[in-house]
Amino acid sequence: MLADRLPGIRLPAGERDHLPGDEDIAEDDRSASFVGSVIILVLSLIGGTFIPAESYPPFLRSLAFLTPNGAAQQGLVDILAHGRTFVEVSGRIATTWAWALALMAAAAVIVNTRRTV
């Protein structure tokens, strides 16, 4: 099982009994940092942080601009290199804010669920 091979990582229990809210992915700060780093790395790769998204095929390019760092980075490039205004890059700004608000809402739900248990 994958969880047995990754020390400090605990995946949701399958058949064993567990309490509600016991679905933590990370058991400690080090594990949480690892999980966060993996997520950031994947979003950075897809978002065009390491390889310019302009060199991606069309499908992957459109996917890159839907990630938070891809949208923010492309918005900055559009303003600095292409002379676009904030209004013209408002879609990229909205994408970045949508990610932020969605993740904050998810965190609030998770924290609230854990407090009620």
C-alpha atoms as a PDB file:
ATOM      1  CA  MET A   1       0.000   0.000   0.000  1.00  0.00           C
ATOM      2  CA  LEU A   2       1.254   3.486  -0.852  1.00  0.00           C
ATOM      3  CA  ALA A   3       0.745   4.849   2.669  1.00  0.00           C
ATOM      4  CA  ASP A   4       3.042   2.136   4.055  1.00  0.00           C
ATOM      5  CA  ARG A   5       5.868   3.233   1.755  1.00  0.00           C
ATOM      6  CA  LEU A   6       5.652   6.956   2.557  1.00  0.00           C
ATOM      7  CA  PRO A   7       6.541   7.590   6.205  1.00  0.00           C
ATOM      8  CA  GLY A   8       4.430  10.309   7.772  1.00  0.00           C
ATOM      9  CA  ILE A   9       1.733  10.132   5.092  1.00  0.00           C
ATOM     10  CA  ARG A  10      -1.598   8.688   6.102  1.00  0.00           C
ATOM     11  CA  LEU A  11      -4.279   8.186   3.496  1.00  0.00           C
ATOM     12  CA  PRO A  12      -7.985   7.869   4.351  1.00  0.00           C
ATOM     13  CA  ALA A  13      -8.791   4.507   5.885  1.00  0.00           C
ATOM     14  CA  GLY A  14     -10.465   1.938   3.685  1.00  0.00           C
ATOM     15  CA  GLU A  15     -12.192  -0.706   5.775  1.00  0.00           C
ATOM     16  CA  ARG A  16     -10.881   0.088   9.258  1.00  0.00           C
ATOM     17  CA  ASP A  17     -12.972   2.025  11.746  1.00  0.00           C
ATOM     18  CA  HIS A  18     -12.083   5.673  12.089  1.00  0.00           C
ATOM     19  CA  LEU A  19     -13.544   8.815  13.550  1.00  0.00           C
ATOM     20  CA  PRO A  20     -14.995  11.552  11.350  1.00  0.00           C
ATOM     21  CA  GLY A  21     -12.255  14.044  10.584  1.00  0.00           C
ATOM     22  CA  ASP A  22      -9.597  11.314  10.723  1.00  0.00           C
ATOM     23  CA  GLU A  23      -8.877  11.661   7.009  1.00  0.00           C
ATOM     24  CA  ASP A  24      -5.730  13.753   7.412  1.00  0.00           C
ATOM     25  CA  ILE A  25      -3.299  13.314   4.581  1.00  0.00           C
ATOM     26  CA  ALA A  26      -0.379  14.592   6.632  1.00  0.00           C
ATOM     27  CA  GLU A  27       0.350  13.563  10.205  1.00  0.00           C
ATOM     28  CA  ASP A  28       2.822  16.325  11.045  1.00  0.00           C
ATOM     29  CA  ASP A  29       4.296  19.601   9.786  1.00  0.00           C
ATOM     30  CA  ARG A  30       7.013  17.883   7.784  1.00  0.00           C
ATOM     31  CA  SER A  31       4.506  15.698   5.939  1.00  0.00           C
ATOM     32  CA  ALA A  32       2.201  18.657   5.327  1.00  0.00           C
ATOM     33  CA  SER A  33       5.132  20.613   3.917  1.00  0.00           C
ATOM     34  CA  PHE A  34       5.970  17.694   1.612  1.00  0.00           C
ATOM     35  CA  VAL A  35       2.383  17.422   0.341  1.00  0.00           C
ATOM     36  CA  GLY A  36       2.228  21.187  -0.189  1.00  0.00           C
ATOM     37  CA  SER A  37       5.531  21.155  -2.067  1.00  0.00           C
ATOM     38  CA  VAL A  38       4.328  18.401  -4.394  1.00  0.00           C
ATOM     39  CA  ILE A  39       1.112  20.288  -5.154  1.00  0.00           C
ATOM     40  CA  ILE A  40       3.014  23.512  -5.817  1.00  0.00           C
ATOM     41  CA  LEU A  41       5.533  21.704  -8.021  1.00  0.00           C
ATOM     42  CA  VAL A  42       2.791  20.124 -10.149  1.00  0.00           C
ATOM     43  CA  LEU A  43       0.930  23.431 -10.524  1.00  0.00           C
ATOM     44  CA  SER A  44       4.219  25.157 -11.388  1.00  0.00           C
ATOM     45  CA  LEU A  45       5.045  22.588 -14.061  1.00  0.00           C
ATOM     46  CA  ILE A  46       1.586  22.800 -15.591  1.00  0.00           C
ATOM     47  CA  GLY A  47       1.416  26.578 -15.160  1.00  0.00           C
ATOM     48  CA  GLY A  48       4.532  27.294 -17.179  1.00  0.00           C
ATOM     49  CA  THR A  49       6.891  28.353 -14.412  1.00  0.00           C
ATOM     50  CA  PHE A  50       9.781  26.160 -15.593  1.00  0.00           C
ATOM     51  CA  ILE A  51       8.975  26.012 -19.303  1.00  0.00           C
ATOM     52  CA  PRO A  52       7.202  28.982 -20.933  1.00  0.00           C
ATOM     53  CA  ALA A  53       3.541  28.141 -21.480  1.00  0.00           C
ATOM     54  CA  GLU A  54       3.768  29.747 -24.925  1.00  0.00           C
ATOM     55  CA  SER A  55       5.791  26.724 -26.046  1.00  0.00           C
ATOM     56  CA  TYR A  56       3.094  24.268 -24.892  1.00  0.00           C
ATOM     57  CA  PRO A  57       0.616  22.707 -27.335  1.00  0.00           C
ATOM     58  CA  PRO A  58      -2.716  24.580 -27.472  1.00  0.00           C
ATOM     59  CA  PHE A  59      -4.591  22.265 -25.064  1.00  0.00           C
ATOM     60  CA  LEU A  60      -1.843  22.334 -22.441  1.00  0.00           C
ATOM     61  CA  ARG A  61      -1.404  26.094 -22.880  1.00  0.00           C
ATOM     62  CA  SER A  62      -5.075  26.718 -22.119  1.00  0.00           C
ATOM     63  CA  LEU A  63      -4.773  24.412 -19.098  1.00  0.00           C
ATOM     64  CA  ALA A  64      -1.653  26.282 -17.952  1.00  0.00           C
ATOM     65  CA  PHE A  65      -3.513  29.589 -17.877  1.00  0.00           C
ATOM     66  CA  LEU A  66      -6.158  28.054 -15.607  1.00  0.00           C
ATOM     67  CA  THR A  67      -3.638  27.357 -12.838  1.00  0.00           C
ATOM     68  CA  PRO A  68      -3.081  30.126 -10.280  1.00  0.00           C
ATOM     69  CA  ASN A  69       0.592  30.695 -11.034  1.00  0.00           C
ATOM     70  CA  GLY A  70       0.105  30.303 -14.794  1.00  0.00           C
ATOM     71  CA  ALA A  71      -2.647  32.932 -14.841  1.00  0.00           C
ATOM     72  CA  ALA A  72      -0.708  35.327 -12.604  1.00  0.00           C
ATOM     73  CA  GLN A  73       2.520  34.871 -14.536  1.00  0.00           C
ATOM     74  CA  GLN A  74       0.854  35.334 -17.915  1.00  0.00           C
ATOM     75  CA  GLY A  75      -1.006  38.388 -16.627  1.00  0.00           C
ATOM     76  CA  LEU A  76       2.298  39.906 -15.553  1.00  0.00           C
ATOM     77  CA  VAL A  77       3.878  39.074 -18.931  1.00  0.00           C
ATOM     78  CA  ASP A  78       0.871  40.585 -20.718  1.00  0.00           C
ATOM     79  CA  ILE A  79       1.235  43.837 -18.767  1.00  0.00           C
ATOM     80  CA  LEU A  80       5.035  44.147 -18.873  1.00  0.00           C
ATOM     81  CA  ALA A  81       5.879  42.739 -22.300  1.00  0.00           C
ATOM     82  CA  HIS A  82       2.728  43.353 -24.313  1.00  0.00           C
ATOM     83  CA  GLY A  83       1.623  46.681 -22.777  1.00  0.00           C
ATOM     84  CA  ARG A  84      -1.840  45.434 -21.826  1.00  0.00           C
ATOM     85  CA  THR A  85      -3.866  47.154 -19.110  1.00  0.00           C
ATOM     86  CA  PHE A  86      -5.234  45.681 -15.894  1.00  0.00           C
ATOM     87  CA  VAL A  87      -8.674  45.630 -17.498  1.00  0.00           C
ATOM     88  CA  GLU A  88      -7.339  43.550 -20.380  1.00  0.00           C
ATOM     89  CA  VAL A  89      -5.819  40.992 -17.987  1.00  0.00           C
ATOM     90  CA  SER A  90      -8.810  40.988 -15.635  1.00  0.00           C
ATOM     91  CA  GLY A  91      -9.622  37.405 -16.650  1.00  0.00           C
ATOM     92  CA  ARG A  92      -6.201  36.266 -15.437  1.00  0.00           C
ATOM     93  CA  ILE A  93      -6.617  38.233 -12.222  1.00  0.00           C
ATOM     94  CA  ALA A  94     -10.059  36.674 -11.721  1.00  0.00           C
ATOM     95  CA  THR A  95      -8.592  33.185 -12.236  1.00  0.00           C
ATOM     96  CA  THR A  96      -5.992  33.796  -9.541  1.00  0.00           C
ATOM     97  CA  TRP A  97      -8.596  35.167  -7.118  1.00  0.00           C
ATOM     98  CA  ALA A  98     -10.988  32.302  -7.877  1.00  0.00           C
ATOM     99  CA  TRP A  99      -8.299  29.790  -6.865  1.00  0.00           C
ATOM    100  CA  ALA A 100      -7.567  31.750  -3.699  1.00  0.00           C
ATOM    101  CA  LEU A 101     -11.224  31.993  -2.693  1.00  0.00           C
ATOM    102  CA  ALA A 102     -11.968  28.345  -3.536  1.00  0.00           C
ATOM    103  CA  LEU A 103      -9.014  27.093  -1.491  1.00  0.00           C
ATOM    104  CA  MET A 104      -9.877  29.385   1.424  1.00  0.00           C
ATOM    105  CA  ALA A 105     -13.458  28.098   1.338  1.00  0.00           C
ATOM    106  CA  ALA A 106     -12.217  24.499   1.294  1.00  0.00           C
ATOM    107  CA  ALA A 107      -9.917  25.222   4.241  1.00  0.00           C
ATOM    108  CA  ALA A 108     -12.778  26.833   6.173  1.00  0.00           C
ATOM    109  CA  VAL A 109     -14.991  23.784   5.572  1.00  0.00           C
ATOM    110  CA  ILE A 110     -12.216  21.414   6.675  1.00  0.00           C
ATOM    111  CA  VAL A 111     -11.460  23.428   9.831  1.00  0.00           C
ATOM    112  CA  ASN A 112     -15.166  23.734  10.677  1.00  0.00           C
ATOM    113  CA  THR A 113     -15.689  19.987  10.180  1.00  0.00           C
ATOM    114  CA  ARG A 114     -12.796  19.171  12.477  1.00  0.00           C
ATOM    115  CA  ARG A 115     -14.035  21.533  15.188  1.00  0.00           C
ATOM    116  CA  THR A 116     -17.484  19.950  15.288  1.00  0.00           C
ATOM    117  CA  VAL A 117     -16.079  16.440  15.756  1.00  0.00           C
END
